[in-house]
Structures are given as structure tokens and as C-alpha cells.
């Protein structure tokens, strides 16, 4: 059994690792609430910049960062429409249910239900921890792939 675990750990470290993120499954149609220390808006290019202790809440999902730039789609009449993309920087944290992830940067695309976290990514699922360079999450399906130099520790029952 120990040999099988060692082989699995070697494979996980060498390639991208598929991850079941059942508690990260998320309804991206829910309203989005954003709070921060400051906000600047550029209507001409459909961008809002939230700075300082930024927290985005959408249902049970929380995304926190030092800064989040939000790009909106442009409506025909010149107004803004739905959020196209959120680019978070400065110590990004993501939580949903019992799963949590940290990274340097993240891009959240609500329309596609996609979250891409990059830079020293750490994913915690209960007692398990997986780290890597990049985590790509399909929020609708509750699945993800950790890429880059992936590292995890497998817990075994030694009763």
C-alpha cells in the first residue's frame, strides 16, 4: 500500500491533478456584493477598481484581495451590463463551503463560471492540502485542475 501511495504522490507532483471540488460548486447567477476601502469607476471603459480589504460575496462564495478590478460588458446604450471578469491581486483568498484556496492572483469570470488562481496556490479541503502553480476551477461542475509543480500529502489510516 505504501508503494501505491508513493507512486500516486509522484504522479500528482509531476502533472496537473484533477480535483473534486463539490463544495465549490456555485450558482454564478446570484447577486454579487462588493465591499472595499475605496472605489474608482471609469464608465467610458466599463471598469471599476476596488482597493483595500476587498471582499466579494456571491451566495456562499467569498473572494478577498487587496485589489479587485471589475470589467463590465458594454450595453448598446453605453451603460454597463453584467460583470465579465474580476481580476484580484494582493493576497487572494477564496472560500466556498469547507474548501478554501489562496494565491497571489485570481481571475473570476461569472458568465463562464470559471475561476483561475495563479501564483503559489494552496487549496485546503478538510485535512487535505494541495499546492501548485495554477488552479483552474469550473464552478458549475464543482471540479478543478491544479497545474504546475503539484504537491500533496496523502493521509493513511494506520489503525
C-alpha atoms as a PDB file:
ATOM      1  CA  UNK A   1       0.000   0.000   0.000  1.00  0.00           C
ATOM      2  CA  UNK A   2       2.826   2.421   0.841  1.00  0.00           C
ATOM      3  CA  UNK A   3       4.307   1.844  -2.623  1.00  0.00           C
ATOM      4  CA  UNK A   4       0.999   2.699  -4.287  1.00  0.00           C
ATOM      5  CA  UNK A   5       0.760   5.907  -2.261  1.00  0.00           C
ATOM      6  CA  UNK A   6       4.335   6.856  -3.209  1.00  0.00           C
ATOM      7  CA  UNK A   7       3.578   6.260  -6.900  1.00  0.00           C
ATOM      8  CA  UNK A   8       0.363   8.304  -6.697  1.00  0.00           C
ATOM      9  CA  UNK A   9       2.210  11.140  -4.941  1.00  0.00           C
ATOM     10  CA  UNK A  10       4.918  11.118  -7.625  1.00  0.00           C
ATOM     11  CA  UNK A  11       2.319  11.288 -10.406  1.00  0.00           C
ATOM     12  CA  UNK A  12       0.489  14.115  -8.604  1.00  0.00           C
ATOM     13  CA  UNK A  13       3.700  16.115  -8.299  1.00  0.00           C
ATOM     14  CA  UNK A  14       4.663  15.603 -11.942  1.00  0.00           C
ATOM     15  CA  UNK A  15       1.413  16.514 -13.696  1.00  0.00           C
ATOM     16  CA  UNK A  16      -1.737  18.540 -13.333  1.00  0.00           C
ATOM     17  CA  UNK A  17      -4.046  16.980 -10.770  1.00  0.00           C
ATOM     18  CA  UNK A  18      -7.836  16.789 -11.198  1.00  0.00           C
ATOM     19  CA  UNK A  19      -9.686  17.744  -8.050  1.00  0.00           C
ATOM     20  CA  UNK A  20     -13.277  17.160  -6.974  1.00  0.00           C
ATOM     21  CA  UNK A  21     -14.468  20.467  -5.559  1.00  0.00           C
ATOM     22  CA  UNK A  22     -18.040  19.521  -4.733  1.00  0.00           C
ATOM     23  CA  UNK A  23     -18.360  22.234  -2.105  1.00  0.00           C
ATOM     24  CA  UNK A  24     -17.003  24.772  -4.618  1.00  0.00           C
ATOM     25  CA  UNK A  25     -19.939  24.123  -6.934  1.00  0.00           C
ATOM     26  CA  UNK A  26     -21.530  27.532  -7.275  1.00  0.00           C
ATOM     27  CA  UNK A  27     -24.516  29.352  -8.788  1.00  0.00           C
ATOM     28  CA  UNK A  28     -22.935  32.254 -10.711  1.00  0.00           C
ATOM     29  CA  UNK A  29     -26.336  33.856 -11.379  1.00  0.00           C
ATOM     30  CA  UNK A  30     -26.642  35.008  -7.747  1.00  0.00           C
ATOM     31  CA  UNK A  31     -26.217  38.742  -6.981  1.00  0.00           C
ATOM     32  CA  UNK A  32     -22.663  39.976  -6.329  1.00  0.00           C
ATOM     33  CA  UNK A  33     -21.900  42.178  -3.303  1.00  0.00           C
ATOM     34  CA  UNK A  34     -18.547  44.003  -3.143  1.00  0.00           C
ATOM     35  CA  UNK A  35     -17.087  45.969  -0.221  1.00  0.00           C
ATOM     36  CA  UNK A  36     -13.745  47.780  -0.034  1.00  0.00           C
ATOM     37  CA  UNK A  37     -11.955  50.802   1.408  1.00  0.00           C
ATOM     38  CA  UNK A  38     -12.220  52.747  -1.879  1.00  0.00           C
ATOM     39  CA  UNK A  39     -13.791  52.577  -5.318  1.00  0.00           C
ATOM     40  CA  UNK A  40     -12.952  54.292  -8.597  1.00  0.00           C
ATOM     41  CA  UNK A  41     -15.158  53.940 -11.675  1.00  0.00           C
ATOM     42  CA  UNK A  42     -14.362  54.547 -15.338  1.00  0.00           C
ATOM     43  CA  UNK A  43     -17.695  54.386 -17.173  1.00  0.00           C
ATOM     44  CA  UNK A  44     -16.071  55.030 -20.553  1.00  0.00           C
ATOM     45  CA  UNK A  45     -14.307  51.662 -20.476  1.00  0.00           C
ATOM     46  CA  UNK A  46     -16.686  49.743 -18.189  1.00  0.00           C
ATOM     47  CA  UNK A  47     -14.226  49.258 -15.349  1.00  0.00           C
ATOM     48  CA  UNK A  48     -14.476  49.576 -11.581  1.00  0.00           C
ATOM     49  CA  UNK A  49     -11.461  49.303  -9.270  1.00  0.00           C
ATOM     50  CA  UNK A  50     -11.985  48.332  -5.646  1.00  0.00           C
ATOM     51  CA  UNK A  51      -8.964  48.926  -3.393  1.00  0.00           C
ATOM     52  CA  UNK A  52      -8.139  47.954   0.163  1.00  0.00           C
ATOM     53  CA  UNK A  53      -9.514  44.947   2.023  1.00  0.00           C
ATOM     54  CA  UNK A  54     -11.820  43.969  -0.851  1.00  0.00           C
ATOM     55  CA  UNK A  55     -14.436  41.295  -0.218  1.00  0.00           C
ATOM     56  CA  UNK A  56     -16.724  39.897  -2.919  1.00  0.00           C
ATOM     57  CA  UNK A  57     -19.677  37.805  -1.770  1.00  0.00           C
ATOM     58  CA  UNK A  58     -21.903  35.794  -4.097  1.00  0.00           C
ATOM     59  CA  UNK A  59     -24.128  33.384  -2.201  1.00  0.00           C
ATOM     60  CA  UNK A  60     -21.837  31.207  -0.050  1.00  0.00           C
ATOM     61  CA  UNK A  61     -18.741  32.165  -2.086  1.00  0.00           C
ATOM     62  CA  UNK A  62     -16.270  34.741  -0.726  1.00  0.00           C
ATOM     63  CA  UNK A  63     -13.352  36.202  -2.684  1.00  0.00           C
ATOM     64  CA  UNK A  64     -10.981  38.508  -0.827  1.00  0.00           C
ATOM     65  CA  UNK A  65      -7.986  40.508  -2.055  1.00  0.00           C
ATOM     66  CA  UNK A  66      -6.086  43.745  -1.668  1.00  0.00           C
ATOM     67  CA  UNK A  67      -7.406  44.987  -5.027  1.00  0.00           C
ATOM     68  CA  UNK A  68     -10.050  43.812  -7.482  1.00  0.00           C
ATOM     69  CA  UNK A  69     -10.605  45.290 -10.942  1.00  0.00           C
ATOM     70  CA  UNK A  70     -14.016  44.521 -12.415  1.00  0.00           C
ATOM     71  CA  UNK A  71     -14.682  44.687 -16.158  1.00  0.00           C
ATOM     72  CA  UNK A  72     -18.280  45.096 -17.250  1.00  0.00           C
ATOM     73  CA  UNK A  73     -19.745  44.387 -20.653  1.00  0.00           C
ATOM     74  CA  UNK A  74     -20.928  47.410 -22.617  1.00  0.00           C
ATOM     75  CA  UNK A  75     -24.624  47.757 -23.385  1.00  0.00           C
ATOM     76  CA  UNK A  76     -25.860  49.257 -26.670  1.00  0.00           C
ATOM     77  CA  UNK A  77     -26.980  52.455 -24.896  1.00  0.00           C
ATOM     78  CA  UNK A  78     -23.495  52.955 -23.412  1.00  0.00           C
ATOM     79  CA  UNK A  79     -24.416  51.697 -19.933  1.00  0.00           C
ATOM     80  CA  UNK A  80     -22.876  48.698 -18.256  1.00  0.00           C
ATOM     81  CA  UNK A  81     -24.229  45.182 -18.246  1.00  0.00           C
ATOM     82  CA  UNK A  82     -23.156  42.061 -16.382  1.00  0.00           C
ATOM     83  CA  UNK A  83     -19.739  41.528 -14.870  1.00  0.00           C
ATOM     84  CA  UNK A  84     -17.448  39.961 -17.460  1.00  0.00           C
ATOM     85  CA  UNK A  85     -14.385  39.436 -15.307  1.00  0.00           C
ATOM     86  CA  UNK A  86     -12.871  40.188 -11.898  1.00  0.00           C
ATOM     87  CA  UNK A  87      -9.089  40.389 -11.593  1.00  0.00           C
ATOM     88  CA  UNK A  88      -7.987  40.038  -7.958  1.00  0.00           C
ATOM     89  CA  UNK A  89      -4.462  40.783  -6.745  1.00  0.00           C
ATOM     90  CA  UNK A  90      -2.706  41.205  -3.435  1.00  0.00           C
ATOM     91  CA  UNK A  91      -3.151  38.106  -1.290  1.00  0.00           C
ATOM     92  CA  UNK A  92      -6.200  36.429  -2.805  1.00  0.00           C
ATOM     93  CA  UNK A  93      -8.384  34.151  -0.696  1.00  0.00           C
ATOM     94  CA  UNK A  94     -11.343  32.132  -1.940  1.00  0.00           C
ATOM     95  CA  UNK A  95     -13.771  30.196   0.232  1.00  0.00           C
ATOM     96  CA  UNK A  96     -16.915  28.264  -0.517  1.00  0.00           C
ATOM     97  CA  UNK A  97     -18.289  25.734   1.937  1.00  0.00           C
ATOM     98  CA  UNK A  98     -15.466  23.846   3.616  1.00  0.00           C
ATOM     99  CA  UNK A  99     -12.972  24.369   0.772  1.00  0.00           C
ATOM    100  CA  UNK A 100     -10.572  27.305   0.725  1.00  0.00           C
ATOM    101  CA  UNK A 101      -7.805  28.459  -1.606  1.00  0.00           C
ATOM    102  CA  UNK A 102      -5.087  31.126  -1.513  1.00  0.00           C
ATOM    103  CA  UNK A 103      -2.974  32.584  -4.323  1.00  0.00           C
ATOM    104  CA  UNK A 104      -1.208  35.732  -5.490  1.00  0.00           C
ATOM    105  CA  UNK A 105      -3.751  36.494  -8.240  1.00  0.00           C
ATOM    106  CA  UNK A 106      -7.109  35.250  -9.473  1.00  0.00           C
ATOM    107  CA  UNK A 107      -9.458  35.876 -12.370  1.00  0.00           C
ATOM    108  CA  UNK A 108     -13.135  35.149 -11.829  1.00  0.00           C
ATOM    109  CA  UNK A 109     -15.440  35.058 -14.876  1.00  0.00           C
ATOM    110  CA  UNK A 110     -19.048  34.750 -13.643  1.00  0.00           C
ATOM    111  CA  UNK A 111     -20.544  34.302 -17.132  1.00  0.00           C
ATOM    112  CA  UNK A 112     -18.349  31.257 -17.750  1.00  0.00           C
ATOM    113  CA  UNK A 113     -18.411  30.031 -14.157  1.00  0.00           C
ATOM    114  CA  UNK A 114     -14.615  29.943 -14.168  1.00  0.00           C
ATOM    115  CA  UNK A 115     -12.060  30.816 -11.501  1.00  0.00           C
ATOM    116  CA  UNK A 116      -8.339  30.738 -12.311  1.00  0.00           C
ATOM    117  CA  UNK A 117      -5.934  31.217  -9.397  1.00  0.00           C
ATOM    118  CA  UNK A 118      -2.208  31.679 -10.056  1.00  0.00           C
ATOM    119  CA  UNK A 119       0.972  32.086  -8.065  1.00  0.00           C
ATOM    120  CA  UNK A 120       1.746  29.846  -5.081  1.00  0.00           C
ATOM    121  CA  UNK A 121      -1.733  28.319  -4.967  1.00  0.00           C
ATOM    122  CA  UNK A 122      -2.740  26.426  -1.825  1.00  0.00           C
ATOM    123  CA  UNK A 123      -6.048  24.527  -1.747  1.00  0.00           C
ATOM    124  CA  UNK A 124      -7.362  23.188   1.557  1.00  0.00           C
ATOM    125  CA  UNK A 125     -10.109  20.577   1.630  1.00  0.00           C
ATOM    126  CA  UNK A 126     -10.792  19.414   5.182  1.00  0.00           C
ATOM    127  CA  UNK A 127      -7.498  17.920   6.429  1.00  0.00           C
ATOM    128  CA  UNK A 128      -6.075  17.692   2.881  1.00  0.00           C
ATOM    129  CA  UNK A 129      -3.829  20.315   1.295  1.00  0.00           C
ATOM    130  CA  UNK A 130      -2.761  20.556  -2.353  1.00  0.00           C
ATOM    131  CA  UNK A 131      -0.383  23.194  -3.679  1.00  0.00           C
ATOM    132  CA  UNK A 132       0.638  24.162  -7.190  1.00  0.00           C
ATOM    133  CA  UNK A 133       1.284  26.995  -9.615  1.00  0.00           C
ATOM    134  CA  UNK A 134      -2.219  27.337 -11.069  1.00  0.00           C
ATOM    135  CA  UNK A 135      -5.717  26.191 -10.112  1.00  0.00           C
ATOM    136  CA  UNK A 136      -8.467  26.220 -12.752  1.00  0.00           C
ATOM    137  CA  UNK A 137     -11.955  25.744 -11.275  1.00  0.00           C
ATOM    138  CA  UNK A 138     -15.206  25.024 -13.125  1.00  0.00           C
ATOM    139  CA  UNK A 139     -17.652  26.380 -10.553  1.00  0.00           C
ATOM    140  CA  UNK A 140     -20.759  24.992 -12.275  1.00  0.00           C
ATOM    141  CA  UNK A 141     -19.403  21.444 -12.209  1.00  0.00           C
ATOM    142  CA  UNK A 142     -17.523  21.737  -8.907  1.00  0.00           C
ATOM    143  CA  UNK A 143     -14.310  20.419 -10.463  1.00  0.00           C
ATOM    144  CA  UNK A 144     -10.819  21.784 -10.824  1.00  0.00           C
ATOM    145  CA  UNK A 145      -7.338  21.082 -12.080  1.00  0.00           C
ATOM    146  CA  UNK A 146      -4.184  22.006 -10.180  1.00  0.00           C
ATOM    147  CA  UNK A 147      -1.294  22.618 -12.593  1.00  0.00           C
ATOM    148  CA  UNK A 148       2.427  23.226 -12.428  1.00  0.00           C
ATOM    149  CA  UNK A 149       4.550  21.679  -9.730  1.00  0.00           C
ATOM    150  CA  UNK A 150       1.735  19.984  -7.770  1.00  0.00           C
ATOM    151  CA  UNK A 151       2.351  18.741  -4.259  1.00  0.00           C
ATOM    152  CA  UNK A 152       0.070  16.952  -1.806  1.00  0.00           C
ATOM    153  CA  UNK A 153       0.349  14.705   1.203  1.00  0.00           C
ATOM    154  CA  UNK A 154      -1.841  11.605   1.387  1.00  0.00           C
ATOM    155  CA  UNK A 155      -3.168  10.692   4.824  1.00  0.00           C
ATOM    156  CA  UNK A 156      -3.437   6.985   5.597  1.00  0.00           C
ATOM    157  CA  UNK A 157      -5.272   5.106   8.340  1.00  0.00           C
ATOM    158  CA  UNK A 158      -2.775   3.149  10.414  1.00  0.00           C
ATOM    159  CA  UNK A 159      -5.064   1.576  12.988  1.00  0.00           C
END
